[in-house]
PDB file of N, CA and C in Angstrom:
ATOM      1  N   MET A   1      97.889 -17.257  29.547  1.00  0.00           N
ATOM      2  CA  MET A   1      97.497 -18.387  30.372  1.00  0.00           C
ATOM      3  C   MET A   1      96.028 -18.268  30.785  1.00  0.00           C
ATOM      4  N   ILE A   2      95.636 -17.066  31.193  1.00  0.00           N
ATOM      5  CA  ILE A   2      94.249 -16.877  31.636  1.00  0.00           C
ATOM      6  C   ILE A   2      93.293 -17.116  30.472  1.00  0.00           C
ATOM      7  N   GLY A   3      93.648 -16.620  29.288  1.00  0.00           N
ATOM      8  CA  GLY A   3      92.809 -16.808  28.105  1.00  0.00           C
ATOM      9  C   GLY A   3      92.566 -18.269  27.816  1.00  0.00           C
ATOM     10  N   SER A   4      93.568 -19.105  28.015  1.00  0.00           N
ATOM     11  CA  SER A   4      93.405 -20.528  27.729  1.00  0.00           C
ATOM     12  C   SER A   4      92.520 -21.215  28.764  1.00  0.00           C
ATOM     13  N   ILE A   5      92.373 -20.642  29.942  1.00  0.00           N
ATOM     14  CA  ILE A   5      91.486 -21.211  30.969  1.00  0.00           C
ATOM     15  C   ILE A   5      90.060 -20.715  30.776  1.00  0.00           C
ATOM     16  N   VAL A   6      89.897 -19.441  30.447  1.00  0.00           N
ATOM     17  CA  VAL A   6      88.562 -18.828  30.331  1.00  0.00           C
ATOM     18  C   VAL A   6      87.837 -19.332  29.086  1.00  0.00           C
ATOM     19  N   ALA A   7      88.511 -19.487  27.977  1.00  0.00           N
ATOM     20  CA  ALA A   7      87.867 -19.888  26.726  1.00  0.00           C
ATOM     21  C   ALA A   7      87.071 -21.179  26.880  1.00  0.00           C
ATOM     22  N   PRO A   8      87.613 -22.266  27.451  1.00  0.00           N
ATOM     23  CA  PRO A   8      86.812 -23.484  27.606  1.00  0.00           C
ATOM     24  C   PRO A   8      85.622 -23.276  28.548  1.00  0.00           C
ATOM     25  N   LEU A   9      85.772 -22.407  29.544  1.00  0.00           N
ATOM     26  CA  LEU A   9      84.666 -22.157  30.472  1.00  0.00           C
ATOM     27  C   LEU A   9      83.506 -21.451  29.783  1.00  0.00           C
ATOM     28  N   LEU A  10      83.810 -20.599  28.817  1.00  0.00           N
ATOM     29  CA  LEU A  10      82.757 -19.909  28.083  1.00  0.00           C
ATOM     30  C   LEU A  10      81.896 -20.884  27.299  1.00  0.00           C
ATOM     31  N   LEU A  11      82.486 -21.970  26.851  1.00  0.00           N
ATOM     32  CA  LEU A  11      81.725 -22.972  26.120  1.00  0.00           C
ATOM     33  C   LEU A  11      80.732 -23.689  27.028  1.00  0.00           C
ATOM     34  N   LEU A  12      81.007 -23.739  28.311  1.00  0.00           N
ATOM     35  CA  LEU A  12      80.127 -24.410  29.265  1.00  0.00           C
ATOM     36  C   LEU A  12      79.029 -23.491  29.800  1.00  0.00           C
ATOM     37  N   ALA A  13      79.179 -22.200  29.606  1.00  0.00           N
ATOM     38  CA  ALA A  13      78.193 -21.243  30.118  1.00  0.00           C
ATOM     39  C   ALA A  13      76.883 -21.408  29.363  1.00  0.00           C
ATOM     40  N   PRO A  14      75.762 -21.255  30.085  1.00  0.00           N
ATOM     41  CA  PRO A  14      74.474 -21.378  29.406  1.00  0.00           C
ATOM     42  C   PRO A  14      74.286 -20.227  28.413  1.00  0.00           C
ATOM     43  N   ALA A  15      73.542 -20.514  27.365  1.00  0.00           N
ATOM     44  CA  ALA A  15      73.259 -19.478  26.362  1.00  0.00           C
ATOM     45  C   ALA A  15      72.387 -18.399  27.011  1.00  0.00           C
ATOM     46  N   PRO A  16      72.584 -17.154  26.631  1.00  0.00           N
ATOM     47  CA  PRO A  16      71.758 -16.095  27.209  1.00  0.00           C
ATOM     48  C   PRO A  16      70.295 -16.307  26.838  1.00  0.00           C
ATOM     49  N   VAL A  17      69.422 -16.009  27.776  1.00  0.00           N
ATOM     50  CA  VAL A  17      67.988 -16.144  27.556  1.00  0.00           C
ATOM     51  C   VAL A  17      67.517 -14.950  26.749  1.00  0.00           C
ATOM     52  N   GLN A  18      66.811 -15.224  25.682  1.00  0.00           N
ATOM     53  CA  GLN A  18      66.296 -14.145  24.855  1.00  0.00           C
ATOM     54  C   GLN A  18      64.932 -13.709  25.367  1.00  0.00           C
ATOM     55  N   ALA A  19      64.712 -12.415  25.343  1.00  0.00           N
ATOM     56  CA  ALA A  19      63.414 -11.877  25.747  1.00  0.00           C
ATOM     57  C   ALA A  19      62.378 -12.272  24.700  1.00  0.00           C
ATOM     58  N   PRO A  20      61.144 -12.524  25.141  1.00  0.00           N
ATOM     59  CA  PRO A  20      60.107 -12.856  24.160  1.00  0.00           C
ATOM     60  C   PRO A  20      59.870 -11.650  23.251  1.00  0.00           C
ATOM     61  N   PRO A  21      59.451 -11.912  22.023  1.00  0.00           N
ATOM     62  CA  PRO A  21      59.204 -10.787  21.121  1.00  0.00           C
ATOM     63  C   PRO A  21      58.091  -9.896  21.667  1.00  0.00           C
ATOM     64  N   LYS A  22      58.233  -8.609  21.455  1.00  0.00           N
ATOM     65  CA  LYS A  22      57.226  -7.655  21.922  1.00  0.00           C
ATOM     66  C   LYS A  22      56.061  -7.641  20.943  1.00  0.00           C
ATOM     67  N   ALA A  23      54.884  -7.431  21.499  1.00  0.00           N
ATOM     68  CA  ALA A  23      53.719  -7.262  20.644  1.00  0.00           C
ATOM     69  C   ALA A  23      53.879  -5.949  19.894  1.00  0.00           C
ATOM     70  N   PRO A  24      53.390  -5.878  18.683  1.00  0.00           N
ATOM     71  CA  PRO A  24      53.538  -4.624  17.948  1.00  0.00           C
ATOM     72  C   PRO A  24      52.818  -3.505  18.687  1.00  0.00           C
ATOM     73  N   SER A  25      53.446  -2.362  18.744  1.00  0.00           N
ATOM     74  CA  SER A  25      52.817  -1.240  19.416  1.00  0.00           C
ATOM     75  C   SER A  25      51.850  -0.560  18.459  1.00  0.00           C
ATOM     76  N   VAL A  26      50.822  -0.002  19.010  1.00  0.00           N
ATOM     77  CA  VAL A  26      49.810   0.680  18.227  1.00  0.00           C
ATOM     78  C   VAL A  26      49.815   2.132  18.651  1.00  0.00           C
ATOM     79  N   PHE A  27      50.025   3.025  17.699  1.00  0.00           N
ATOM     80  CA  PHE A  27      50.013   4.445  18.016  1.00  0.00           C
ATOM     81  C   PHE A  27      48.581   4.895  18.202  1.00  0.00           C
ATOM     82  N   MET A  28      48.356   5.634  19.259  1.00  0.00           N
ATOM     83  CA  MET A  28      47.037   6.193  19.529  1.00  0.00           C
ATOM     84  C   MET A  28      47.211   7.656  19.892  1.00  0.00           C
ATOM     85  N   PHE A  29      46.366   8.499  19.362  1.00  0.00           N
ATOM     86  CA  PHE A  29      46.386   9.887  19.797  1.00  0.00           C
ATOM     87  C   PHE A  29      45.862   9.982  21.223  1.00  0.00           C
ATOM     88  N   GLU A  30      44.870   9.178  21.534  1.00  0.00           N
ATOM     89  CA  GLU A  30      44.252   9.214  22.865  1.00  0.00           C
ATOM     90  C   GLU A  30      44.112   7.814  23.431  1.00  0.00           C
ATOM     91  N   THR A  31      44.400   7.702  24.711  1.00  0.00           N
ATOM     92  CA  THR A  31      44.064   6.495  25.465  1.00  0.00           C
ATOM     93  C   THR A  31      42.906   6.877  26.378  1.00  0.00           C
ATOM     94  N   GLY A  32      42.338   5.904  27.020  1.00  0.00           N
ATOM     95  CA  GLY A  32      41.293   6.212  27.987  1.00  0.00           C
ATOM     96  C   GLY A  32      41.805   7.133  29.080  1.00  0.00           C
ATOM     97  N   ALA A  33      43.043   6.923  29.506  1.00  0.00           N
ATOM     98  CA  ALA A  33      43.622   7.747  30.573  1.00  0.00           C
ATOM     99  C   ALA A  33      43.795   9.197  30.132  1.00  0.00           C
ATOM    100  N   SER A  34      44.322   9.406  28.929  1.00  0.00           N
ATOM    101  CA  SER A  34      44.533  10.787  28.477  1.00  0.00           C
ATOM    102  C   SER A  34      43.207  11.476  28.197  1.00  0.00           C
ATOM    103  N   LEU A  35      42.218  10.724  27.724  1.00  0.00           N
ATOM    104  CA  LEU A  35      40.895  11.313  27.496  1.00  0.00           C
ATOM    105  C   LEU A  35      40.246  11.700  28.820  1.00  0.00           C
ATOM    106  N   LEU A  36      40.322  10.819  29.803  1.00  0.00           N
ATOM    107  CA  LEU A  36      39.737  11.129  31.110  1.00  0.00           C
ATOM    108  C   LEU A  36      40.397  12.357  31.722  1.00  0.00           C
ATOM    109  N   GLU A  37      41.694  12.459  31.559  1.00  0.00           N
ATOM    110  CA  GLU A  37      42.414  13.623  32.084  1.00  0.00           C
ATOM    111  C   GLU A  37      41.877  14.913  31.453  1.00  0.00           C
ATOM    112  N   LYS A  38      41.666  14.890  30.160  1.00  0.00           N
ATOM    113  CA  LYS A  38      41.097  16.067  29.479  1.00  0.00           C
ATOM    114  C   LYS A  38      39.679  16.345  29.972  1.00  0.00           C
ATOM    115  N   CYS A  39      38.888  15.288  30.064  1.00  0.00           N
ATOM    116  CA  CYS A  39      37.480  15.450  30.436  1.00  0.00           C
ATOM    117  C   CYS A  39      37.309  15.980  31.853  1.00  0.00           C
ATOM    118  N   GLN A  40      38.240  15.688  32.728  1.00  0.00           N
ATOM    119  CA  GLN A  40      38.128  16.134  34.117  1.00  0.00           C
ATOM    120  C   GLN A  40      38.812  17.468  34.368  1.00  0.00           C
ATOM    121  N   ASN A  41      39.531  17.969  33.373  1.00  0.00           N
ATOM    122  CA  ASN A  41      40.206  19.247  33.524  1.00  0.00           C
ATOM    123  C   ASN A  41      39.156  20.361  33.524  1.00  0.00           C
ATOM    124  N   LYS A  42      39.282  21.304  34.440  1.00  0.00           N
ATOM    125  CA  LYS A  42      38.293  22.380  34.595  1.00  0.00           C
ATOM    126  C   LYS A  42      38.430  23.474  33.535  1.00  0.00           C
ATOM    127  N   ALA A  43      39.556  23.527  32.839  1.00  0.00           N
ATOM    128  CA  ALA A  43      39.740  24.554  31.808  1.00  0.00           C
ATOM    129  C   ALA A  43      38.780  24.280  30.645  1.00  0.00           C
ATOM    130  N   PRO A  44      38.075  25.308  30.173  1.00  0.00           N
ATOM    131  CA  PRO A  44      37.071  25.098  29.116  1.00  0.00           C
ATOM    132  C   PRO A  44      37.628  24.459  27.847  1.00  0.00           C
ATOM    133  N   GLU A  45      38.866  24.795  27.488  1.00  0.00           N
ATOM    134  CA  GLU A  45      39.417  24.221  26.257  1.00  0.00           C
ATOM    135  C   GLU A  45      39.614  22.713  26.365  1.00  0.00           C
ATOM    136  N   TYR A  46      39.873  22.215  27.573  1.00  0.00           N
ATOM    137  CA  TYR A  46      40.021  20.767  27.750  1.00  0.00           C
ATOM    138  C   TYR A  46      38.664  20.073  27.704  1.00  0.00           C
ATOM    139  N   ALA A  47      37.666  20.680  28.321  1.00  0.00           N
ATOM    140  CA  ALA A  47      36.314  20.118  28.263  1.00  0.00           C
ATOM    141  C   ALA A  47      35.834  20.057  26.817  1.00  0.00           C
ATOM    142  N   LEU A  48      36.132  21.104  26.058  1.00  0.00           N
ATOM    143  CA  LEU A  48      35.757  21.127  24.648  1.00  0.00           C
ATOM    144  C   LEU A  48      36.505  20.050  23.864  1.00  0.00           C
ATOM    145  N   ALA A  49      37.794  19.901  24.139  1.00  0.00           N
ATOM    146  CA  ALA A  49      38.586  18.869  23.456  1.00  0.00           C
ATOM    147  C   ALA A  49      38.043  17.479  23.768  1.00  0.00           C
ATOM    148  N   CYS A  50      37.670  17.256  25.007  1.00  0.00           N
ATOM    149  CA  CYS A  50      37.099  15.965  25.416  1.00  0.00           C
ATOM    150  C   CYS A  50      35.813  15.689  24.649  1.00  0.00           C
ATOM    151  N   THR A  51      34.908  16.653  24.687  1.00  0.00           N
ATOM    152  CA  THR A  51      33.615  16.476  24.020  1.00  0.00           C
ATOM    153  C   THR A  51      33.788  16.307  22.518  1.00  0.00           C
ATOM    154  N   ALA A  52      34.655  17.110  21.918  1.00  0.00           N
ATOM    155  CA  ALA A  52      34.881  17.019  20.476  1.00  0.00           C
ATOM    156  C   ALA A  52      35.441  15.650  20.101  1.00  0.00           C
ATOM    157  N   TYR A  53      36.357  15.127  20.910  1.00  0.00           N
ATOM    158  CA  TYR A  53      36.922  13.805  20.620  1.00  0.00           C
ATOM    159  C   TYR A  53      35.817  12.747  20.657  1.00  0.00           C
ATOM    160  N   VAL A  54      35.030  12.752  21.714  1.00  0.00           N
ATOM    161  CA  VAL A  54      33.988  11.734  21.885  1.00  0.00           C
ATOM    162  C   VAL A  54      32.971  11.823  20.745  1.00  0.00           C
ATOM    163  N   VAL A  55      32.547  13.025  20.404  1.00  0.00           N
ATOM    164  CA  VAL A  55      31.580  13.205  19.328  1.00  0.00           C
ATOM    165  C   VAL A  55      32.181  12.745  17.988  1.00  0.00           C
ATOM    166  N   GLY A  56      33.450  13.019  17.774  1.00  0.00           N
ATOM    167  CA  GLY A  56      34.106  12.564  16.549  1.00  0.00           C
ATOM    168  C   GLY A  56      34.136  11.057  16.448  1.00  0.00           C
ATOM    169  N   VAL A  57      34.388  10.394  17.566  1.00  0.00           N
ATOM    170  CA  VAL A  57      34.378   8.925  17.558  1.00  0.00           C
ATOM    171  C   VAL A  57      32.981   8.409  17.247  1.00  0.00           C
ATOM    172  N   VAL A  58      31.972   8.993  17.863  1.00  0.00           N
ATOM    173  CA  VAL A  58      30.590   8.569  17.603  1.00  0.00           C
ATOM    174  C   VAL A  58      30.260   8.759  16.120  1.00  0.00           C
ATOM    175  N   ASP A  59      30.623   9.910  15.564  1.00  0.00           N
ATOM    176  CA  ASP A  59      30.377  10.135  14.140  1.00  0.00           C
ATOM    177  C   ASP A  59      31.113   9.103  13.284  1.00  0.00           C
ATOM    178  N   GLY A  60      32.326   8.758  13.672  1.00  0.00           N
ATOM    179  CA  GLY A  60      33.078   7.747  12.928  1.00  0.00           C
ATOM    180  C   GLY A  60      32.413   6.385  12.978  1.00  0.00           C
ATOM    181  N   ILE A  61      31.898   6.027  14.129  1.00  0.00           N
ATOM    182  CA  ILE A  61      31.201   4.741  14.264  1.00  0.00           C
ATOM    183  C   ILE A  61      29.936   4.752  13.416  1.00  0.00           C
ATOM    184  N   LYS A  62      29.185   5.843  13.495  1.00  0.00           N
ATOM    185  CA  LYS A  62      27.947   5.964  12.709  1.00  0.00           C
ATOM    186  C   LYS A  62      28.246   5.928  11.203  1.00  0.00           C
ATOM    187  N   LYS A  63      29.371   6.532  10.794  1.00  0.00           N
ATOM    188  CA  LYS A  63      29.785   6.493   9.391  1.00  0.00           C
ATOM    189  C   LYS A  63      30.044   5.056   8.960  1.00  0.00           C
ATOM    190  N   ASP A  64      30.751   4.299   9.801  1.00  0.00           N
ATOM    191  CA  ASP A  64      31.039   2.902   9.472  1.00  0.00           C
ATOM    192  C   ASP A  64      29.755   2.078   9.378  1.00  0.00           C
ATOM    193  N   ILE A  65      28.787   2.369  10.216  1.00  0.00           N
ATOM    194  CA  ILE A  65      27.490   1.685  10.137  1.00  0.00           C
ATOM    195  C   ILE A  65      26.804   2.040   8.822  1.00  0.00           C
ATOM    196  N   TYR A  66      26.801   3.316   8.495  1.00  0.00           N
ATOM    197  CA  TYR A  66      26.171   3.789   7.263  1.00  0.00           C
ATOM    198  C   TYR A  66      26.784   3.126   6.033  1.00  0.00           C
ATOM    199  N   LEU A  67      28.094   2.946   6.041  1.00  0.00           N
ATOM    200  CA  LEU A  67      28.790   2.334   4.912  1.00  0.00           C
ATOM    201  C   LEU A  67      28.736   0.811   4.931  1.00  0.00           C
ATOM    202  N   GLY A  68      28.139   0.234   5.966  1.00  0.00           N
ATOM    203  CA  GLY A  68      28.022  -1.214   6.060  1.00  0.00           C
ATOM    204  C   GLY A  68      29.282  -1.898   6.549  1.00  0.00           C
ATOM    205  N   ARG A  69      30.179  -1.142   7.145  1.00  0.00           N
ATOM    206  CA  ARG A  69      31.436  -1.720   7.638  1.00  0.00           C
ATOM    207  C   ARG A  69      31.388  -2.055   9.118  1.00  0.00           C
ATOM    208  N   ALA A  70      30.276  -1.774   9.775  1.00  0.00           N
ATOM    209  CA  ALA A  70      30.135  -2.060  11.206  1.00  0.00           C
ATOM    210  C   ALA A  70      28.687  -2.446  11.478  1.00  0.00           C
ATOM    211  N   PRO A  71      28.473  -3.277  12.492  1.00  0.00           N
ATOM    212  CA  PRO A  71      27.091  -3.633  12.834  1.00  0.00           C
ATOM    213  C   PRO A  71      26.368  -2.437  13.443  1.00  0.00           C
ATOM    214  N   THR A  72      25.052  -2.469  13.328  1.00  0.00           N
ATOM    215  CA  THR A  72      24.267  -1.387  13.921  1.00  0.00           C
ATOM    216  C   THR A  72      24.373  -1.441  15.446  1.00  0.00           C
ATOM    217  N   THR A  73      24.058  -0.338  16.064  1.00  0.00           N
ATOM    218  CA  THR A  73      24.085  -0.244  17.522  1.00  0.00           C
ATOM    219  C   THR A  73      22.658  -0.106  18.032  1.00  0.00           C
ATOM    220  N   CYS A  74      22.510  -0.148  19.318  1.00  0.00           N
ATOM    221  CA  CYS A  74      21.207   0.055  19.942  1.00  0.00           C
ATOM    222  C   CYS A  74      21.153   1.399  20.659  1.00  0.00           C
ATOM    223  N   TRP A  75      22.032   2.287  20.280  1.00  0.00           N
ATOM    224  CA  TRP A  75      22.041   3.621  20.859  1.00  0.00           C
ATOM    225  C   TRP A  75      20.814   4.387  20.382  1.00  0.00           C
ATOM    226  N   PRO A  76      20.372   5.345  21.167  1.00  0.00           N
ATOM    227  CA  PRO A  76      19.294   6.209  20.676  1.00  0.00           C
ATOM    228  C   PRO A  76      19.736   6.905  19.386  1.00  0.00           C
ATOM    229  N   ASP A  77      18.763   7.228  18.544  1.00  0.00           N
ATOM    230  CA  ASP A  77      19.096   7.882  17.274  1.00  0.00           C
ATOM    231  C   ASP A  77      19.816   9.203  17.479  1.00  0.00           C
ATOM    232  N   ARG A  78      19.402   9.937  18.458  1.00  0.00           N
ATOM    233  CA  ARG A  78      20.031  11.238  18.721  1.00  0.00           C
ATOM    234  C   ARG A  78      20.579  11.246  20.144  1.00  0.00           C
ATOM    235  N   LEU A  79      21.859  11.409  20.222  1.00  0.00           N
ATOM    236  CA  LEU A  79      22.535  11.520  21.513  1.00  0.00           C
ATOM    237  C   LEU A  79      23.124  12.919  21.603  1.00  0.00           C
ATOM    238  N   GLY A  80      22.975  13.551  22.756  1.00  0.00           N
ATOM    239  CA  GLY A  80      23.597  14.847  22.947  1.00  0.00           C
ATOM    240  C   GLY A  80      25.084  14.697  23.230  1.00  0.00           C
ATOM    241  N   ALA A  81      25.850  15.694  22.815  1.00  0.00           N
ATOM    242  CA  ALA A  81      27.302  15.644  23.010  1.00  0.00           C
ATOM    243  C   ALA A  81      27.658  15.523  24.485  1.00  0.00           C
ATOM    244  N   THR A  82      26.997  16.287  25.332  1.00  0.00           N
ATOM    245  CA  THR A  82      27.272  16.237  26.769  1.00  0.00           C
ATOM    246  C   THR A  82      26.879  14.883  27.338  1.00  0.00           C
ATOM    247  N   GLN A  83      25.767  14.333  26.871  1.00  0.00           N
ATOM    248  CA  GLN A  83      25.311  13.022  27.328  1.00  0.00           C
ATOM    249  C   GLN A  83      26.343  11.947  27.004  1.00  0.00           C
ATOM    250  N   VAL A  84      26.854  11.964  25.790  1.00  0.00           N
ATOM    251  CA  VAL A  84      27.845  10.970  25.384  1.00  0.00           C
ATOM    252  C   VAL A  84      29.121  11.132  26.209  1.00  0.00           C
ATOM    253  N   ARG A  85      29.566  12.366  26.366  1.00  0.00           N
ATOM    254  CA  ARG A  85      30.775  12.616  27.165  1.00  0.00           C
ATOM    255  C   ARG A  85      30.593  12.090  28.582  1.00  0.00           C
ATOM    256  N   ASP A  86      29.441  12.367  29.189  1.00  0.00           N
ATOM    257  CA  ASP A  86      29.190  11.915  30.565  1.00  0.00           C
ATOM    258  C   ASP A  86      29.187  10.391  30.673  1.00  0.00           C
ATOM    259  N   ILE A  87      28.647   9.722  29.675  1.00  0.00           N
ATOM    260  CA  ILE A  87      28.635   8.252  29.665  1.00  0.00           C
ATOM    261  C   ILE A  87      30.065   7.722  29.621  1.00  0.00           C
ATOM    262  N   VAL A  88      30.892   8.311  28.775  1.00  0.00           N
ATOM    263  CA  VAL A  88      32.277   7.859  28.637  1.00  0.00           C
ATOM    264  C   VAL A  88      33.067   8.130  29.914  1.00  0.00           C
ATOM    265  N   VAL A  89      32.897   9.298  30.497  1.00  0.00           N
ATOM    266  CA  VAL A  89      33.609   9.637  31.741  1.00  0.00           C
ATOM    267  C   VAL A  89      33.197   8.689  32.857  1.00  0.00           C
ATOM    268  N   LYS A  90      31.918   8.427  32.972  1.00  0.00           N
ATOM    269  CA  LYS A  90      31.440   7.494  34.008  1.00  0.00           C
ATOM    270  C   LYS A  90      32.052   6.111  33.799  1.00  0.00           C
ATOM    271  N   TYR A  91      32.101   5.668  32.556  1.00  0.00           N
ATOM    272  CA  TYR A  91      32.684   4.361  32.251  1.00  0.00           C
ATOM    273  C   TYR A  91      34.159   4.323  32.647  1.00  0.00           C
ATOM    274  N   LEU A  92      34.895   5.359  32.292  1.00  0.00           N
ATOM    275  CA  LEU A  92      36.326   5.400  32.610  1.00  0.00           C
ATOM    276  C   LEU A  92      36.578   5.468  34.110  1.00  0.00           C
ATOM    277  N   LYS A  93      35.704   6.112  34.837  1.00  0.00           N
ATOM    278  CA  LYS A  93      35.847   6.159  36.303  1.00  0.00           C
ATOM    279  C   LYS A  93      35.522   4.793  36.910  1.00  0.00           C
ATOM    280  N   THR A  94      34.545   4.119  36.343  1.00  0.00           N
ATOM    281  CA  THR A  94      34.119   2.815  36.863  1.00  0.00           C
ATOM    282  C   THR A  94      35.132   1.720  36.545  1.00  0.00           C
ATOM    283  N   TYR A  95      35.681   1.744  35.349  1.00  0.00           N
ATOM    284  CA  TYR A  95      36.577   0.680  34.884  1.00  0.00           C
ATOM    285  C   TYR A  95      37.992   1.235  34.685  1.00  0.00           C
ATOM    286  N   ALA A  96      38.629   1.557  35.774  1.00  0.00           N
ATOM    287  CA  ALA A  96      39.971   2.146  35.732  1.00  0.00           C
ATOM    288  C   ALA A  96      40.980   1.216  35.051  1.00  0.00           C
ATOM    289  N   ASP A  97      40.755  -0.083  35.110  1.00  0.00           N
ATOM    290  CA  ASP A  97      41.681  -1.037  34.507  1.00  0.00           C
ATOM    291  C   ASP A  97      41.684  -0.985  32.980  1.00  0.00           C
ATOM    292  N   GLN A  98      40.750  -0.271  32.396  1.00  0.00           N
ATOM    293  CA  GLN A  98      40.661  -0.204  30.940  1.00  0.00           C
ATOM    294  C   GLN A  98      41.188   1.110  30.371  1.00  0.00           C
ATOM    295  N   ARG A  99      41.753   1.940  31.198  1.00  0.00           N
ATOM    296  CA  ARG A  99      42.176   3.272  30.767  1.00  0.00           C
ATOM    297  C   ARG A  99      43.362   3.271  29.808  1.00  0.00           C
ATOM    298  N   ASN A 100      44.091   2.179  29.692  1.00  0.00           N
ATOM    299  CA  ASN A 100      45.220   2.142  28.764  1.00  0.00           C
ATOM    300  C   ASN A 100      44.821   1.705  27.359  1.00  0.00           C
ATOM    301  N   PHE A 101      43.562   1.381  27.186  1.00  0.00           N
ATOM    302  CA  PHE A 101      43.072   1.001  25.859  1.00  0.00           C
ATOM    303  C   PHE A 101      42.857   2.252  25.015  1.00  0.00           C
ATOM    304  N   PRO A 102      42.767   2.088  23.698  1.00  0.00           N
ATOM    305  CA  PRO A 102      42.493   3.245  22.849  1.00  0.00           C
ATOM    306  C   PRO A 102      41.178   3.921  23.257  1.00  0.00           C
ATOM    307  N   ALA A 103      41.203   5.233  23.314  1.00  0.00           N
ATOM    308  CA  ALA A 103      40.016   5.976  23.731  1.00  0.00           C
ATOM    309  C   ALA A 103      38.849   5.735  22.779  1.00  0.00           C
ATOM    310  N   SER A 104      39.124   5.573  21.507  1.00  0.00           N
ATOM    311  CA  SER A 104      38.037   5.329  20.552  1.00  0.00           C
ATOM    312  C   SER A 104      37.313   4.021  20.872  1.00  0.00           C
ATOM    313  N   LEU A 105      38.052   3.017  21.284  1.00  0.00           N
ATOM    314  CA  LEU A 105      37.449   1.754  21.691  1.00  0.00           C
ATOM    315  C   LEU A 105      36.613   1.949  22.956  1.00  0.00           C
ATOM    316  N   ILE A 106      37.135   2.721  23.893  1.00  0.00           N
ATOM    317  CA  ILE A 106      36.416   2.984  25.142  1.00  0.00           C
ATOM    318  C   ILE A 106      35.081   3.665  24.866  1.00  0.00           C
ATOM    319  N   VAL A 107      35.063   4.632  23.949  1.00  0.00           N
ATOM    320  CA  VAL A 107      33.813   5.321  23.613  1.00  0.00           C
ATOM    321  C   VAL A 107      32.787   4.309  23.120  1.00  0.00           C
ATOM    322  N   SER A 108      33.191   3.449  22.215  1.00  0.00           N
ATOM    323  CA  SER A 108      32.291   2.445  21.662  1.00  0.00           C
ATOM    324  C   SER A 108      31.777   1.487  22.734  1.00  0.00           C
ATOM    325  N   VAL A 109      32.678   1.004  23.563  1.00  0.00           N
ATOM    326  CA  VAL A 109      32.298   0.047  24.609  1.00  0.00           C
ATOM    327  C   VAL A 109      31.413   0.716  25.657  1.00  0.00           C
ATOM    328  N   ALA A 110      31.729   1.951  26.024  1.00  0.00           N
ATOM    329  CA  ALA A 110      30.927   2.673  27.023  1.00  0.00           C
ATOM    330  C   ALA A 110      29.496   2.867  26.536  1.00  0.00           C
ATOM    331  N   LEU A 111      29.336   3.206  25.269  1.00  0.00           N
ATOM    332  CA  LEU A 111      27.986   3.394  24.728  1.00  0.00           C
ATOM    333  C   LEU A 111      27.245   2.073  24.604  1.00  0.00           C
ATOM    334  N   ALA A 112      27.948   1.022  24.222  1.00  0.00           N
ATOM    335  CA  ALA A 112      27.309  -0.294  24.157  1.00  0.00           C
ATOM    336  C   ALA A 112      26.888  -0.762  25.547  1.00  0.00           C
ATOM    337  N   ASP A 113      27.683  -0.403  26.552  1.00  0.00           N
ATOM    338  CA  ASP A 113      27.343  -0.740  27.934  1.00  0.00           C
ATOM    339  C   ASP A 113      26.137   0.063  28.404  1.00  0.00           C
ATOM    340  N   ALA A 114      26.071   1.322  28.020  1.00  0.00           N
ATOM    341  CA  ALA A 114      24.954   2.188  28.441  1.00  0.00           C
ATOM    342  C   ALA A 114      23.668   1.858  27.696  1.00  0.00           C
ATOM    343  N   PHE A 115      23.801   1.416  26.450  1.00  0.00           N
ATOM    344  CA  PHE A 115      22.628   1.117  25.619  1.00  0.00           C
ATOM    345  C   PHE A 115      22.762  -0.278  25.004  1.00  0.00           C
ATOM    346  N   PRO A 116      22.635  -1.318  25.853  1.00  0.00           N
ATOM    347  CA  PRO A 116      22.811  -2.679  25.330  1.00  0.00           C
ATOM    348  C   PRO A 116      21.654  -3.074  24.420  1.00  0.00           C
ATOM    349  N   CYS A 117      21.945  -3.927  23.489  1.00  0.00           N
ATOM    350  CA  CYS A 117      20.912  -4.470  22.602  1.00  0.00           C
ATOM    351  C   CYS A 117      20.208  -5.615  23.329  1.00  0.00           C
ATOM    352  N   HIS A 118      18.907  -5.608  23.247  1.00  0.00           N
ATOM    353  CA  HIS A 118      18.112  -6.681  23.860  1.00  0.00           C
ATOM    354  C   HIS A 118      17.399  -7.442  22.749  1.00  0.00           C
ATOM    355  N   PRO A 119      17.608  -8.758  22.726  1.00  0.00           N
ATOM    356  CA  PRO A 119      16.967  -9.561  21.649  1.00  0.00           C
ATOM    357  C   PRO A 119      15.460  -9.577  21.747  1.00  0.00           C
TER     358      PRO A 119
END
């Protein structure tokens, strides 16, 4: 008896709302937050990891410029590793809302912010 009452009621129930599709996730070894955490860690191995990551990103960007796959930058020709690291750390401290972005993107944006191109 109950089944015969419930079945028609189920037909009147609204359809379940479907969640919107999720944006594809992007795997990153480093985010701005994880890089900043390394850069601020007092242990020498973390400071080295921070600097090595930042320098690797800079080399990657310069490689893409050399191969013609990226536009040139207005950065000085020679940047010191510590100088680049300090620029990135300052940027991450200033723009906390951007710490969830890929760290490689943050390095590029921080340097473009520090050394803007002037027409």
